[in-house]
Amino acid sequence: MTAARRRRLRVFITGASSGIGAALAREYAARGAILGLLGRRADALHALPFSAAHHIYAVDVTDHAALAAAAADFIAREGGADIVIASAGVSAGTLTERPDDLSRFAEIFAINVTATVATFAPFVETMKRREVNDRGPRRLVAIGSVAGIRGMKGAGAYCASKSAVHTYAESLRLELQPHGIRVVTIAPGYIDTPMTRQNRFPMPFLMPVDRFAAAAARAIDVGTSYRVIPWPMGVVAKVLRLLPNVLFDALFAHAPTKSGKVAP
């Protein structure tokens, strides 16, 4: 691999066929990065206007063997990754008393949480082994959500899964800190994607997805440990964290619930 090629960012993104993942792919393609684009829908991945110049993997992130094989292929072709973004995620309204929702809980956790671990796992050792004189970034990026800050009614699976992502990424950050690998958690607020278009309630500070991707990329550049985007939702998140349960319960007891349809 030539020195010029090494200077190009190597970015591996899951959930790249739509929403936040596709927007991040567009952002890094515009920066001239070498991309590994992974998603369930091959047609959507190949429809990205820059896809022919990059590595495409039509893989379901719950297929851990296929995900590991895609990661191994990208590492073999490009010598590793500078940035790995676990962006695959789904959302749906869930209620504990509905028998059918038990499988929905399992599906949401499998995609939002376990697949995040499976995405990062193949890249950790190669990032640890990077040469001392290689000063390029080493980032593992978990896409969480402000929904992981407090539980909302009718969204137990989604809120709990994103809370788990935040906590997992925090643990991973401490584990990898001695190796110079930065773990970045991005917590989107309301971003205009197919997932949020399923919501049946007002969405304050709704942000265009490409603006979100640009802001997220800046936070990843710096290696920020945790960032809520857009920033006004970060203020809201801090307030929610501090609310005592009795006040939180009173404020959100009659909040609308999420759609029961699984949205990618």
C-alpha atoms as a PDB file:
ATOM      1  CA  MET A   1       0.000   0.000   0.000  1.00  0.00           C
ATOM      2  CA  THR A   2       1.479   3.376  -0.990  1.00  0.00           C
ATOM      3  CA  ALA A   3       1.987   6.222   1.467  1.00  0.00           C
ATOM      4  CA  ALA A   4      -0.527   8.315  -0.491  1.00  0.00           C
ATOM      5  CA  ARG A   5      -3.145   5.584  -0.133  1.00  0.00           C
ATOM      6  CA  ARG A   6      -2.465   5.228   3.574  1.00  0.00           C
ATOM      7  CA  ARG A   7      -3.268   8.901   4.053  1.00  0.00           C
ATOM      8  CA  ARG A   8      -6.835   8.374   2.842  1.00  0.00           C
ATOM      9  CA  LEU A   9      -9.270   7.664   5.651  1.00  0.00           C
ATOM     10  CA  ARG A  10     -10.585   4.100   5.737  1.00  0.00           C
ATOM     11  CA  VAL A  11     -14.133   4.075   7.088  1.00  0.00           C
ATOM     12  CA  PHE A  12     -16.367   1.042   7.657  1.00  0.00           C
ATOM     13  CA  ILE A  13     -20.080   1.811   8.202  1.00  0.00           C
ATOM     14  CA  THR A  14     -22.950  -0.526   9.029  1.00  0.00           C
ATOM     15  CA  GLY A  15     -26.542   0.439   8.306  1.00  0.00           C
ATOM     16  CA  ALA A  16     -25.204   2.276   5.255  1.00  0.00           C
ATOM     17  CA  SER A  17     -28.190   1.615   3.007  1.00  0.00           C
ATOM     18  CA  SER A  18     -30.453   4.304   4.520  1.00  0.00           C
ATOM     19  CA  GLY A  19     -30.927   7.028   7.099  1.00  0.00           C
ATOM     20  CA  ILE A  20     -28.010   8.076   9.289  1.00  0.00           C
ATOM     21  CA  GLY A  21     -25.690   5.396   7.906  1.00  0.00           C
ATOM     22  CA  ALA A  22     -26.219   6.517   4.307  1.00  0.00           C
ATOM     23  CA  ALA A  23     -25.744  10.170   5.291  1.00  0.00           C
ATOM     24  CA  LEU A  24     -22.455   9.339   7.022  1.00  0.00           C
ATOM     25  CA  ALA A  25     -21.386   7.444   3.915  1.00  0.00           C
ATOM     26  CA  ARG A  26     -22.112  10.530   1.799  1.00  0.00           C
ATOM     27  CA  GLU A  27     -20.170  12.720   4.239  1.00  0.00           C
ATOM     28  CA  TYR A  28     -17.062  10.535   4.213  1.00  0.00           C
ATOM     29  CA  ALA A  29     -17.256   9.919   0.455  1.00  0.00           C
ATOM     30  CA  ALA A  30     -17.169  13.705  -0.027  1.00  0.00           C
ATOM     31  CA  ARG A  31     -14.034  13.758   2.132  1.00  0.00           C
ATOM     32  CA  GLY A  32     -12.336  11.273  -0.175  1.00  0.00           C
ATOM     33  CA  ALA A  33     -12.367   8.365   2.271  1.00  0.00           C
ATOM     34  CA  ILE A  34     -12.180   4.703   1.292  1.00  0.00           C
ATOM     35  CA  LEU A  35     -15.476   3.193   2.425  1.00  0.00           C
ATOM     36  CA  GLY A  36     -16.738  -0.214   3.465  1.00  0.00           C
ATOM     37  CA  LEU A  37     -20.518   0.050   3.176  1.00  0.00           C
ATOM     38  CA  LEU A  38     -22.565  -2.661   4.857  1.00  0.00           C
ATOM     39  CA  GLY A  39     -26.337  -3.012   4.868  1.00  0.00           C
ATOM     40  CA  ARG A  40     -29.117  -5.495   4.266  1.00  0.00           C
ATOM     41  CA  ARG A  41     -30.248  -4.091   0.908  1.00  0.00           C
ATOM     42  CA  ALA A  42     -27.740  -4.530  -1.903  1.00  0.00           C
ATOM     43  CA  ASP A  43     -29.859  -2.425  -4.289  1.00  0.00           C
ATOM     44  CA  ALA A  44     -29.831   0.556  -1.920  1.00  0.00           C
ATOM     45  CA  LEU A  45     -26.082   0.278  -1.351  1.00  0.00           C
ATOM     46  CA  HIS A  46     -25.336   0.099  -5.075  1.00  0.00           C
ATOM     47  CA  ALA A  47     -27.714   3.035  -5.675  1.00  0.00           C
ATOM     48  CA  LEU A  48     -25.440   5.345  -3.694  1.00  0.00           C
ATOM     49  CA  PRO A  49     -23.848   7.558  -6.367  1.00  0.00           C
ATOM     50  CA  PHE A  50     -20.299   6.813  -5.159  1.00  0.00           C
ATOM     51  CA  SER A  51     -20.731   3.088  -4.446  1.00  0.00           C
ATOM     52  CA  ALA A  52     -18.735   1.819  -7.435  1.00  0.00           C
ATOM     53  CA  ALA A  53     -15.534   3.244  -5.946  1.00  0.00           C
ATOM     54  CA  HIS A  54     -15.966   1.502  -2.596  1.00  0.00           C
ATOM     55  CA  HIS A  55     -16.498  -1.897  -0.984  1.00  0.00           C
ATOM     56  CA  ILE A  56     -20.119  -3.055  -0.763  1.00  0.00           C
ATOM     57  CA  TYR A  57     -21.309  -5.751   1.648  1.00  0.00           C
ATOM     58  CA  ALA A  58     -24.950  -6.853   1.496  1.00  0.00           C
ATOM     59  CA  VAL A  59     -25.095  -8.328   5.004  1.00  0.00           C
ATOM     60  CA  ASP A  60     -27.600  -8.499   7.850  1.00  0.00           C
ATOM     61  CA  VAL A  61     -25.773  -7.379  11.012  1.00  0.00           C
ATOM     62  CA  THR A  62     -27.450 -10.132  13.019  1.00  0.00           C
ATOM     63  CA  ASP A  63     -25.522 -12.655  10.899  1.00  0.00           C
ATOM     64  CA  HIS A  64     -22.336 -12.365  12.934  1.00  0.00           C
ATOM     65  CA  ALA A  65     -20.310 -14.741  10.771  1.00  0.00           C
ATOM     66  CA  ALA A  66     -21.155 -12.773   7.609  1.00  0.00           C
ATOM     67  CA  LEU A  67     -20.441  -9.492   9.388  1.00  0.00           C
ATOM     68  CA  ALA A  68     -17.038 -10.768  10.552  1.00  0.00           C
ATOM     69  CA  ALA A  69     -16.272 -11.983   7.024  1.00  0.00           C
ATOM     70  CA  ALA A  70     -17.108  -8.549   5.578  1.00  0.00           C
ATOM     71  CA  ALA A  71     -14.877  -6.868   8.161  1.00  0.00           C
ATOM     72  CA  ALA A  72     -12.050  -9.329   7.412  1.00  0.00           C
ATOM     73  CA  ASP A  73     -12.374  -8.631   3.683  1.00  0.00           C
ATOM     74  CA  PHE A  74     -12.181  -4.858   4.241  1.00  0.00           C
ATOM     75  CA  ILE A  75      -9.153  -5.268   6.525  1.00  0.00           C
ATOM     76  CA  ALA A  76      -7.423  -7.530   4.003  1.00  0.00           C
ATOM     77  CA  ARG A  77      -8.072  -5.132   1.118  1.00  0.00           C
ATOM     78  CA  GLU A  78      -7.268  -1.875   2.922  1.00  0.00           C
ATOM     79  CA  GLY A  79      -4.953  -2.938   5.748  1.00  0.00           C
ATOM     80  CA  GLY A  80      -7.440  -2.011   8.459  1.00  0.00           C
ATOM     81  CA  ALA A  81      -9.884   0.769   9.268  1.00  0.00           C
ATOM     82  CA  ASP A  82      -9.377   4.204  10.777  1.00  0.00           C
ATOM     83  CA  ILE A  83     -13.033   4.694  11.682  1.00  0.00           C
ATOM     84  CA  VAL A  84     -15.681   2.036  12.286  1.00  0.00           C
ATOM     85  CA  ILE A  85     -19.256   3.277  12.691  1.00  0.00           C
ATOM     86  CA  ALA A  86     -21.944   0.964  14.054  1.00  0.00           C
ATOM     87  CA  SER A  87     -24.971   2.733  12.614  1.00  0.00           C
ATOM     88  CA  ALA A  88     -27.386  -0.146  11.978  1.00  0.00           C
ATOM     89  CA  GLY A  89     -30.482   0.244  14.122  1.00  0.00           C
ATOM     90  CA  VAL A  90     -34.232  -0.236  14.271  1.00  0.00           C
ATOM     91  CA  SER A  91     -37.056   1.219  16.328  1.00  0.00           C
ATOM     92  CA  ALA A  92     -40.594   0.145  17.176  1.00  0.00           C
ATOM     93  CA  GLY A  93     -43.232   0.688  19.805  1.00  0.00           C
ATOM     94  CA  THR A  94     -43.389  -2.198  22.287  1.00  0.00           C
ATOM     95  CA  LEU A  95     -45.579  -3.172  25.230  1.00  0.00           C
ATOM     96  CA  THR A  96     -44.521  -5.824  27.734  1.00  0.00           C
ATOM     97  CA  GLU A  97     -48.021  -7.310  28.051  1.00  0.00           C
ATOM     98  CA  ARG A  98     -48.285  -8.076  24.326  1.00  0.00           C
ATOM     99  CA  PRO A  99     -47.009 -11.638  23.791  1.00  0.00           C
ATOM    100  CA  ASP A 100     -45.886 -10.902  20.241  1.00  0.00           C
ATOM    101  CA  ASP A 101     -43.665  -8.070  21.445  1.00  0.00           C
ATOM    102  CA  LEU A 102     -41.221 -10.414  23.198  1.00  0.00           C
ATOM    103  CA  SER A 103     -39.748 -11.333  19.818  1.00  0.00           C
ATOM    104  CA  ARG A 104     -39.705  -7.637  18.888  1.00  0.00           C
ATOM    105  CA  PHE A 105     -37.668  -6.875  22.027  1.00  0.00           C
ATOM    106  CA  ALA A 106     -35.199  -9.596  21.015  1.00  0.00           C
ATOM    107  CA  GLU A 107     -34.966  -8.256  17.444  1.00  0.00           C
ATOM    108  CA  ILE A 108     -34.341  -4.676  18.551  1.00  0.00           C
ATOM    109  CA  PHE A 109     -31.644  -5.709  21.026  1.00  0.00           C
ATOM    110  CA  ALA A 110     -30.016  -8.016  18.463  1.00  0.00           C
ATOM    111  CA  ILE A 111     -29.698  -5.201  15.908  1.00  0.00           C
ATOM    112  CA  ASN A 112     -29.116  -2.194  18.156  1.00  0.00           C
ATOM    113  CA  VAL A 113     -26.875  -3.722  20.831  1.00  0.00           C
ATOM    114  CA  THR A 114     -25.363  -7.109  20.000  1.00  0.00           C
ATOM    115  CA  ALA A 115     -24.623  -6.118  16.401  1.00  0.00           C
ATOM    116  CA  THR A 116     -22.716  -3.064  17.671  1.00  0.00           C
ATOM    117  CA  VAL A 117     -20.393  -5.396  19.568  1.00  0.00           C
ATOM    118  CA  ALA A 118     -20.117  -7.700  16.536  1.00  0.00           C
ATOM    119  CA  THR A 119     -19.269  -4.705  14.330  1.00  0.00           C
ATOM    120  CA  PHE A 120     -16.382  -3.508  16.485  1.00  0.00           C
ATOM    121  CA  ALA A 121     -14.927  -6.896  17.455  1.00  0.00           C
ATOM    122  CA  PRO A 122     -13.088  -7.739  14.193  1.00  0.00           C
ATOM    123  CA  PHE A 123     -11.314  -4.351  14.093  1.00  0.00           C
ATOM    124  CA  VAL A 124      -9.957  -4.029  17.630  1.00  0.00           C
ATOM    125  CA  GLU A 125      -6.799  -6.130  17.255  1.00  0.00           C
ATOM    126  CA  THR A 126      -5.749  -4.488  13.983  1.00  0.00           C
ATOM    127  CA  MET A 127      -6.233  -1.053  15.546  1.00  0.00           C
ATOM    128  CA  LYS A 128      -4.107  -2.090  18.536  1.00  0.00           C
ATOM    129  CA  ARG A 129      -1.329  -3.291  16.230  1.00  0.00           C
ATOM    130  CA  ARG A 130      -1.050  -0.046  14.252  1.00  0.00           C
ATOM    131  CA  GLU A 131       2.532   1.175  13.856  1.00  0.00           C
ATOM    132  CA  VAL A 132       3.761   3.699  16.409  1.00  0.00           C
ATOM    133  CA  ASN A 133       4.530   6.219  13.643  1.00  0.00           C
ATOM    134  CA  ASP A 134       1.013   5.908  12.152  1.00  0.00           C
ATOM    135  CA  ARG A 135      -0.734   8.987  13.533  1.00  0.00           C
ATOM    136  CA  GLY A 136      -4.022   8.405  11.730  1.00  0.00           C
ATOM    137  CA  PRO A 137      -7.257   8.293  13.728  1.00  0.00           C
ATOM    138  CA  ARG A 138      -8.449   5.147  15.460  1.00  0.00           C
ATOM    139  CA  ARG A 139     -12.152   5.491  16.197  1.00  0.00           C
ATOM    140  CA  LEU A 140     -14.943   3.103  17.099  1.00  0.00           C
ATOM    141  CA  VAL A 141     -18.228   5.002  16.832  1.00  0.00           C
ATOM    142  CA  ALA A 142     -21.467   3.836  18.441  1.00  0.00           C
ATOM    143  CA  ILE A 143     -24.697   5.473  17.314  1.00  0.00           C
ATOM    144  CA  GLY A 144     -26.916   5.755  20.378  1.00  0.00           C
ATOM    145  CA  SER A 145     -29.923   8.039  20.863  1.00  0.00           C
ATOM    146  CA  VAL A 146     -31.348  10.596  23.247  1.00  0.00           C
ATOM    147  CA  ALA A 147     -34.015   7.923  23.731  1.00  0.00           C
ATOM    148  CA  GLY A 148     -31.396   6.089  25.774  1.00  0.00           C
ATOM    149  CA  ILE A 149     -31.349   8.844  28.409  1.00  0.00           C
ATOM    150  CA  ARG A 150     -34.704   8.040  30.043  1.00  0.00           C
ATOM    151  CA  GLY A 151     -37.337   5.403  29.374  1.00  0.00           C
ATOM    152  CA  MET A 152     -40.454   6.465  27.496  1.00  0.00           C
ATOM    153  CA  LYS A 153     -43.761   4.619  27.572  1.00  0.00           C
ATOM    154  CA  GLY A 154     -44.389   2.297  24.682  1.00  0.00           C
ATOM    155  CA  ALA A 155     -40.700   2.418  23.713  1.00  0.00           C
ATOM    156  CA  GLY A 156     -39.168   0.123  26.306  1.00  0.00           C
ATOM    157  CA  ALA A 157     -37.176  -1.956  23.829  1.00  0.00           C
ATOM    158  CA  TYR A 158     -35.788   0.993  21.882  1.00  0.00           C
ATOM    159  CA  CYS A 159     -34.969   3.134  24.923  1.00  0.00           C
ATOM    160  CA  ALA A 160     -33.378   0.225  26.784  1.00  0.00           C
ATOM    161  CA  SER A 161     -31.368  -0.840  23.739  1.00  0.00           C
ATOM    162  CA  LYS A 162     -29.932   2.633  23.224  1.00  0.00           C
ATOM    163  CA  SER A 163     -29.185   2.977  26.935  1.00  0.00           C
ATOM    164  CA  ALA A 164     -27.303  -0.316  26.628  1.00  0.00           C
ATOM    165  CA  VAL A 165     -25.341   1.044  23.649  1.00  0.00           C
ATOM    166  CA  HIS A 166     -24.269   4.075  25.679  1.00  0.00           C
ATOM    167  CA  THR A 167     -23.157   1.973  28.646  1.00  0.00           C
ATOM    168  CA  TYR A 168     -21.400  -0.613  26.482  1.00  0.00           C
ATOM    169  CA  ALA A 169     -19.490   2.116  24.626  1.00  0.00           C
ATOM    170  CA  GLU A 170     -18.438   3.654  27.928  1.00  0.00           C
ATOM    171  CA  SER A 171     -17.025   0.316  29.102  1.00  0.00           C
ATOM    172  CA  LEU A 172     -15.258  -0.169  25.774  1.00  0.00           C
ATOM    173  CA  ARG A 173     -13.821   3.338  25.978  1.00  0.00           C
ATOM    174  CA  LEU A 174     -12.121   2.524  29.288  1.00  0.00           C
ATOM    175  CA  GLU A 175     -10.825  -0.799  27.928  1.00  0.00           C
ATOM    176  CA  LEU A 176      -9.264   0.714  24.807  1.00  0.00           C
ATOM    177  CA  GLN A 177      -8.050   4.033  26.208  1.00  0.00           C
ATOM    178  CA  PRO A 178      -4.566   2.637  27.046  1.00  0.00           C
ATOM    179  CA  HIS A 179      -4.173   1.604  23.391  1.00  0.00           C
ATOM    180  CA  GLY A 180      -4.943   5.044  21.966  1.00  0.00           C
ATOM    181  CA  ILE A 181      -8.239   3.900  20.431  1.00  0.00           C
ATOM    182  CA  ARG A 182     -11.029   6.389  21.001  1.00  0.00           C
ATOM    183  CA  VAL A 183     -14.591   5.188  21.434  1.00  0.00           C
ATOM    184  CA  VAL A 184     -17.106   7.847  20.388  1.00  0.00           C
ATOM    185  CA  THR A 185     -20.794   7.735  21.288  1.00  0.00           C
ATOM    186  CA  ILE A 186     -23.087   9.873  19.129  1.00  0.00           C
ATOM    187  CA  ALA A 187     -26.600  10.315  20.511  1.00  0.00           C
ATOM    188  CA  PRO A 188     -28.896  11.687  17.802  1.00  0.00           C
ATOM    189  CA  GLY A 189     -31.951  13.661  18.759  1.00  0.00           C
ATOM    190  CA  TYR A 190     -34.736  13.849  16.183  1.00  0.00           C
ATOM    191  CA  ILE A 191     -33.122  13.410  12.773  1.00  0.00           C
ATOM    192  CA  ASP A 192     -35.148  13.407   9.549  1.00  0.00           C
ATOM    193  CA  THR A 193     -34.861   9.749   8.480  1.00  0.00           C
ATOM    194  CA  PRO A 194     -37.265   6.943   7.517  1.00  0.00           C
ATOM    195  CA  MET A 195     -37.188   5.852  11.171  1.00  0.00           C
ATOM    196  CA  THR A 196     -38.395   9.156  12.617  1.00  0.00           C
ATOM    197  CA  ARG A 197     -41.012   9.584   9.877  1.00  0.00           C
ATOM    198  CA  GLN A 198     -42.890   6.755  11.597  1.00  0.00           C
ATOM    199  CA  ASN A 199     -43.339   8.890  14.721  1.00  0.00           C
ATOM    200  CA  ARG A 200     -46.829  10.175  15.432  1.00  0.00           C
ATOM    201  CA  PHE A 201     -45.851  13.052  17.704  1.00  0.00           C
ATOM    202  CA  PRO A 202     -44.078  16.444  17.468  1.00  0.00           C
ATOM    203  CA  MET A 203     -40.281  16.201  17.186  1.00  0.00           C
ATOM    204  CA  PRO A 204     -38.506  19.271  18.591  1.00  0.00           C
ATOM    205  CA  PHE A 205     -35.273  20.416  16.937  1.00  0.00           C
ATOM    206  CA  LEU A 206     -35.785  18.039  13.977  1.00  0.00           C
ATOM    207  CA  MET A 207     -32.519  18.095  12.013  1.00  0.00           C
ATOM    208  CA  PRO A 208     -31.847  17.271   8.329  1.00  0.00           C
ATOM    209  CA  VAL A 209     -29.848  14.062   8.152  1.00  0.00           C
ATOM    210  CA  ASP A 210     -26.951  15.481   6.116  1.00  0.00           C
ATOM    211  CA  ARG A 211     -26.448  18.294   8.629  1.00  0.00           C
ATOM    212  CA  PHE A 212     -26.400  15.661  11.358  1.00  0.00           C
ATOM    213  CA  ALA A 213     -23.768  13.646   9.476  1.00  0.00           C
ATOM    214  CA  ALA A 214     -21.493  16.667   9.101  1.00  0.00           C
ATOM    215  CA  ALA A 215     -21.776  17.467  12.824  1.00  0.00           C
ATOM    216  CA  ALA A 216     -21.184  13.821  13.753  1.00  0.00           C
ATOM    217  CA  ALA A 217     -18.080  13.652  11.560  1.00  0.00           C
ATOM    218  CA  ARG A 218     -16.650  16.705  13.325  1.00  0.00           C
ATOM    219  CA  ALA A 219     -17.184  15.053  16.717  1.00  0.00           C
ATOM    220  CA  ILE A 220     -15.547  11.867  15.410  1.00  0.00           C
ATOM    221  CA  ASP A 221     -12.575  13.889  14.103  1.00  0.00           C
ATOM    222  CA  VAL A 222     -11.953  15.283  17.585  1.00  0.00           C
ATOM    223  CA  GLY A 223     -12.571  11.933  19.267  1.00  0.00           C
ATOM    224  CA  THR A 224     -15.277  13.310  21.558  1.00  0.00           C
ATOM    225  CA  SER A 225     -16.346  10.590  23.989  1.00  0.00           C
ATOM    226  CA  TYR A 226     -20.055  11.514  23.940  1.00  0.00           C
ATOM    227  CA  ARG A 227     -22.012  14.007  21.866  1.00  0.00           C
ATOM    228  CA  VAL A 228     -25.724  14.717  21.529  1.00  0.00           C
ATOM    229  CA  ILE A 229     -26.692  16.137  18.124  1.00  0.00           C
ATOM    230  CA  PRO A 230     -28.297  18.636  17.632  1.00  0.00           C
ATOM    231  CA  TRP A 231     -26.909  20.495  20.635  1.00  0.00           C
ATOM    232  CA  PRO A 232     -30.272  21.827  21.934  1.00  0.00           C
ATOM    233  CA  MET A 233     -31.300  18.203  22.489  1.00  0.00           C
ATOM    234  CA  GLY A 234     -28.147  17.856  24.559  1.00  0.00           C
ATOM    235  CA  VAL A 235     -29.503  20.517  26.902  1.00  0.00           C
ATOM    236  CA  VAL A 236     -32.839  18.691  27.053  1.00  0.00           C
ATOM    237  CA  ALA A 237     -31.006  15.418  27.755  1.00  0.00           C
ATOM    238  CA  LYS A 238     -29.115  16.941  30.690  1.00  0.00           C
ATOM    239  CA  VAL A 239     -32.359  18.246  32.174  1.00  0.00           C
ATOM    240  CA  LEU A 240     -34.043  14.851  31.749  1.00  0.00           C
ATOM    241  CA  ARG A 241     -31.167  13.138  33.547  1.00  0.00           C
ATOM    242  CA  LEU A 242     -31.612  15.453  36.532  1.00  0.00           C
ATOM    243  CA  LEU A 243     -35.406  15.235  36.848  1.00  0.00           C
ATOM    244  CA  PRO A 244     -36.559  13.300  39.929  1.00  0.00           C
ATOM    245  CA  ASN A 245     -38.748  10.324  39.050  1.00  0.00           C
ATOM    246  CA  VAL A 246     -41.910  11.838  40.497  1.00  0.00           C
ATOM    247  CA  LEU A 247     -41.599  14.899  38.237  1.00  0.00           C
ATOM    248  CA  PHE A 248     -40.486  12.880  35.198  1.00  0.00           C
ATOM    249  CA  ASP A 249     -43.455  10.519  35.609  1.00  0.00           C
ATOM    250  CA  ALA A 250     -45.899  13.420  35.889  1.00  0.00           C
ATOM    251  CA  LEU A 251     -44.529  15.124  32.774  1.00  0.00           C
ATOM    252  CA  PHE A 252     -44.459  12.042  30.526  1.00  0.00           C
ATOM    253  CA  ALA A 253     -47.360   9.923  31.787  1.00  0.00           C
ATOM    254  CA  HIS A 254     -49.553  11.050  28.883  1.00  0.00           C
ATOM    255  CA  ALA A 255     -46.898  11.301  26.184  1.00  0.00           C
ATOM    256  CA  PRO A 256     -47.761   9.673  22.830  1.00  0.00           C
ATOM    257  CA  THR A 257     -46.285   6.260  22.064  1.00  0.00           C
ATOM    258  CA  LYS A 258     -44.156   5.029  19.171  1.00  0.00           C
ATOM    259  CA  SER A 259     -45.602   3.117  16.248  1.00  0.00           C
ATOM    260  CA  GLY A 260     -45.613  -0.663  16.630  1.00  0.00           C
ATOM    261  CA  LYS A 261     -44.091  -1.010  13.140  1.00  0.00           C
ATOM    262  CA  VAL A 262     -40.364  -1.808  13.066  1.00  0.00           C
ATOM    263  CA  ALA A 263     -38.603   1.048  11.275  1.00  0.00           C
ATOM    264  CA  PRO A 264     -34.961   0.825  10.052  1.00  0.00           C
END
